[in-house]
Amino acid sequence: MQVKIAHREQVALTIDLEHIADFDPELKEAIEENTRRYTALFSDAIQEILPDYKEKEARDVLTSIFQ
């Protein structure tokens, strides 16, 4: 999944709150109570690790525009 996101073949990542609750119920509650903050935190973390998953250079319209 991370490789597909890194290559822009997938544009969404679903985070299952029930999986988080299994790990840490208080974290699940915090995410539900402050979704906007956690969305930004997850987004920043994903952007930081995506280069580690790149196997090839993504070639799409966005890449062409920004070159």
N, C-alpha and C. Protein backbone atom coordinates (compact mmCIF):
# COMPACT_ATOMS: atom_id res chain seq x y z
N MET A 1 0.82 -1.19 0.00
CA MET A 1 0.00 0.00 0.00
C MET A 1 0.87 1.26 0.00
N GLN A 2 1.90 1.31 0.84
CA GLN A 2 2.74 2.50 0.90
C GLN A 2 3.45 2.74 -0.43
N VAL A 3 3.84 1.65 -1.11
CA VAL A 3 4.50 1.79 -2.41
C VAL A 3 3.54 2.42 -3.40
N LYS A 4 2.29 1.97 -3.41
CA LYS A 4 1.30 2.54 -4.33
C LYS A 4 1.08 4.02 -4.06
N ILE A 5 1.05 4.41 -2.81
CA ILE A 5 0.89 5.82 -2.48
C ILE A 5 2.13 6.61 -2.91
N ALA A 6 3.30 6.06 -2.67
CA ALA A 6 4.55 6.73 -3.06
C ALA A 6 4.62 6.92 -4.57
N HIS A 7 4.05 6.00 -5.33
CA HIS A 7 4.08 6.09 -6.79
C HIS A 7 2.84 6.76 -7.36
N ARG A 8 2.00 7.29 -6.49
CA ARG A 8 0.76 7.99 -6.86
C ARG A 8 -0.21 7.08 -7.62
N GLU A 9 -0.15 5.79 -7.33
CA GLU A 9 -1.11 4.84 -7.91
C GLU A 9 -2.33 4.71 -7.00
N GLN A 10 -2.20 5.15 -5.77
CA GLN A 10 -3.27 5.17 -4.78
C GLN A 10 -3.22 6.53 -4.11
N VAL A 11 -4.37 7.13 -3.86
CA VAL A 11 -4.37 8.49 -3.33
C VAL A 11 -4.92 8.61 -1.92
N ALA A 12 -5.40 7.49 -1.36
CA ALA A 12 -5.98 7.54 -0.02
C ALA A 12 -5.40 6.44 0.85
N LEU A 13 -5.31 6.73 2.12
CA LEU A 13 -4.88 5.76 3.11
C LEU A 13 -5.95 5.74 4.20
N THR A 14 -6.50 4.58 4.46
CA THR A 14 -7.53 4.45 5.48
C THR A 14 -6.89 3.99 6.78
N ILE A 15 -7.20 4.70 7.84
CA ILE A 15 -6.71 4.35 9.17
C ILE A 15 -7.92 3.86 9.96
N ASP A 16 -7.91 2.60 10.31
CA ASP A 16 -9.04 1.97 11.01
C ASP A 16 -8.93 2.27 12.51
N LEU A 17 -9.89 3.03 13.01
CA LEU A 17 -9.86 3.40 14.42
C LEU A 17 -10.02 2.20 15.35
N GLU A 18 -10.66 1.16 14.89
CA GLU A 18 -10.78 -0.04 15.72
C GLU A 18 -9.43 -0.71 15.90
N HIS A 19 -8.58 -0.68 14.89
CA HIS A 19 -7.22 -1.20 15.03
C HIS A 19 -6.43 -0.36 16.03
N ILE A 20 -6.63 0.93 15.97
CA ILE A 20 -5.95 1.81 16.93
C ILE A 20 -6.47 1.54 18.34
N ALA A 21 -7.76 1.31 18.47
CA ALA A 21 -8.35 1.03 19.78
C ALA A 21 -7.77 -0.25 20.38
N ASP A 22 -7.49 -1.24 19.54
CA ASP A 22 -6.88 -2.47 20.02
C ASP A 22 -5.50 -2.19 20.62
N PHE A 23 -4.81 -1.24 20.04
CA PHE A 23 -3.47 -0.87 20.49
C PHE A 23 -3.52 0.09 21.68
N ASP A 24 -4.39 1.12 21.55
CA ASP A 24 -4.45 2.16 22.59
C ASP A 24 -5.83 2.83 22.56
N PRO A 25 -6.74 2.39 23.40
CA PRO A 25 -8.10 2.97 23.40
C PRO A 25 -8.14 4.48 23.63
N GLU A 26 -7.23 4.98 24.44
CA GLU A 26 -7.21 6.42 24.70
C GLU A 26 -6.80 7.21 23.45
N LEU A 27 -5.90 6.65 22.66
CA LEU A 27 -5.51 7.30 21.41
C LEU A 27 -6.68 7.37 20.45
N LYS A 28 -7.45 6.29 20.38
CA LYS A 28 -8.64 6.30 19.52
C LYS A 28 -9.58 7.43 19.93
N GLU A 29 -9.81 7.57 21.23
CA GLU A 29 -10.68 8.65 21.71
C GLU A 29 -10.11 10.02 21.37
N ALA A 30 -8.82 10.17 21.53
CA ALA A 30 -8.19 11.46 21.22
C ALA A 30 -8.34 11.79 19.74
N ILE A 31 -8.20 10.79 18.88
CA ILE A 31 -8.36 11.01 17.44
C ILE A 31 -9.79 11.42 17.13
N GLU A 32 -10.75 10.76 17.75
CA GLU A 32 -12.16 11.09 17.52
C GLU A 32 -12.49 12.50 18.01
N GLU A 33 -11.87 12.90 19.08
CA GLU A 33 -12.17 14.22 19.66
C GLU A 33 -11.45 15.37 18.95
N ASN A 34 -10.36 15.06 18.25
CA ASN A 34 -9.59 16.10 17.58
C ASN A 34 -9.10 15.59 16.23
N THR A 35 -10.05 15.22 15.39
CA THR A 35 -9.74 14.60 14.10
C THR A 35 -8.87 15.48 13.22
N ARG A 36 -9.14 16.77 13.19
CA ARG A 36 -8.37 17.67 12.32
C ARG A 36 -6.88 17.63 12.68
N ARG A 37 -6.57 17.67 13.96
CA ARG A 37 -5.17 17.64 14.40
C ARG A 37 -4.50 16.33 14.00
N TYR A 38 -5.18 15.21 14.23
CA TYR A 38 -4.58 13.91 13.94
C TYR A 38 -4.49 13.66 12.44
N THR A 39 -5.41 14.19 11.66
CA THR A 39 -5.29 14.09 10.21
C THR A 39 -4.02 14.78 9.74
N ALA A 40 -3.73 15.95 10.28
CA ALA A 40 -2.50 16.67 9.92
C ALA A 40 -1.27 15.90 10.39
N LEU A 41 -1.31 15.34 11.60
CA LEU A 41 -0.17 14.56 12.10
C LEU A 41 0.09 13.32 11.25
N PHE A 42 -0.98 12.59 10.91
CA PHE A 42 -0.83 11.41 10.05
C PHE A 42 -0.29 11.81 8.68
N SER A 43 -0.81 12.88 8.14
CA SER A 43 -0.35 13.35 6.82
C SER A 43 1.13 13.70 6.85
N ASP A 44 1.56 14.43 7.86
CA ASP A 44 2.98 14.78 7.97
C ASP A 44 3.85 13.54 8.11
N ALA A 45 3.42 12.58 8.92
CA ALA A 45 4.21 11.35 9.11
C ALA A 45 4.30 10.55 7.82
N ILE A 46 3.21 10.46 7.10
CA ILE A 46 3.20 9.72 5.84
C ILE A 46 4.11 10.39 4.82
N GLN A 47 4.02 11.71 4.71
CA GLN A 47 4.89 12.44 3.77
C GLN A 47 6.36 12.24 4.11
N GLU A 48 6.67 12.11 5.38
CA GLU A 48 8.05 11.93 5.80
C GLU A 48 8.60 10.55 5.42
N ILE A 49 7.76 9.51 5.51
CA ILE A 49 8.26 8.17 5.24
C ILE A 49 8.09 7.73 3.78
N LEU A 50 7.28 8.42 2.99
CA LEU A 50 7.03 7.98 1.62
C LEU A 50 8.29 7.82 0.77
N PRO A 51 9.28 8.69 0.86
CA PRO A 51 10.47 8.48 0.02
C PRO A 51 11.13 7.12 0.26
N ASP A 52 11.00 6.55 1.43
CA ASP A 52 11.57 5.23 1.71
C ASP A 52 10.88 4.13 0.91
N TYR A 53 9.68 4.38 0.43
CA TYR A 53 8.91 3.37 -0.29
C TYR A 53 8.97 3.54 -1.81
N LYS A 54 9.63 4.59 -2.28
CA LYS A 54 9.71 4.81 -3.72
C LYS A 54 10.64 3.79 -4.34
N GLU A 55 10.13 3.09 -5.36
CA GLU A 55 10.93 2.13 -6.10
C GLU A 55 11.24 2.66 -7.50
N LYS A 56 10.47 3.65 -7.92
CA LYS A 56 10.64 4.27 -9.24
C LYS A 56 10.14 5.70 -9.15
N GLU A 57 10.46 6.49 -10.13
CA GLU A 57 9.99 7.87 -10.16
C GLU A 57 8.55 7.89 -10.68
N ALA A 58 7.68 8.54 -9.95
CA ALA A 58 6.28 8.66 -10.38
C ALA A 58 6.21 9.60 -11.57
N ARG A 59 5.53 9.17 -12.61
CA ARG A 59 5.36 10.00 -13.80
C ARG A 59 3.87 10.21 -14.00
N ASP A 60 3.43 11.41 -13.75
CA ASP A 60 2.04 11.75 -13.95
C ASP A 60 1.94 13.24 -14.29
N VAL A 61 0.77 13.73 -14.41
CA VAL A 61 0.56 15.13 -14.77
C VAL A 61 1.22 16.06 -13.76
N LEU A 62 1.07 15.79 -12.46
CA LEU A 62 1.68 16.65 -11.45
C LEU A 62 3.20 16.70 -11.59
N THR A 63 3.81 15.57 -11.83
CA THR A 63 5.26 15.55 -12.01
C THR A 63 5.67 16.40 -13.21
N SER A 64 4.93 16.28 -14.29
CA SER A 64 5.24 17.05 -15.50
C SER A 64 5.09 18.55 -15.27
N ILE A 65 4.06 18.95 -14.56
CA ILE A 65 3.82 20.37 -14.30
C ILE A 65 4.91 20.99 -13.45
N PHE A 66 5.34 20.27 -12.42
CA PHE A 66 6.29 20.84 -11.47
C PHE A 66 7.75 20.67 -11.86
N GLN A 67 8.02 20.16 -13.04
CA GLN A 67 9.42 20.06 -13.49
C GLN A 67 9.80 21.23 -14.35
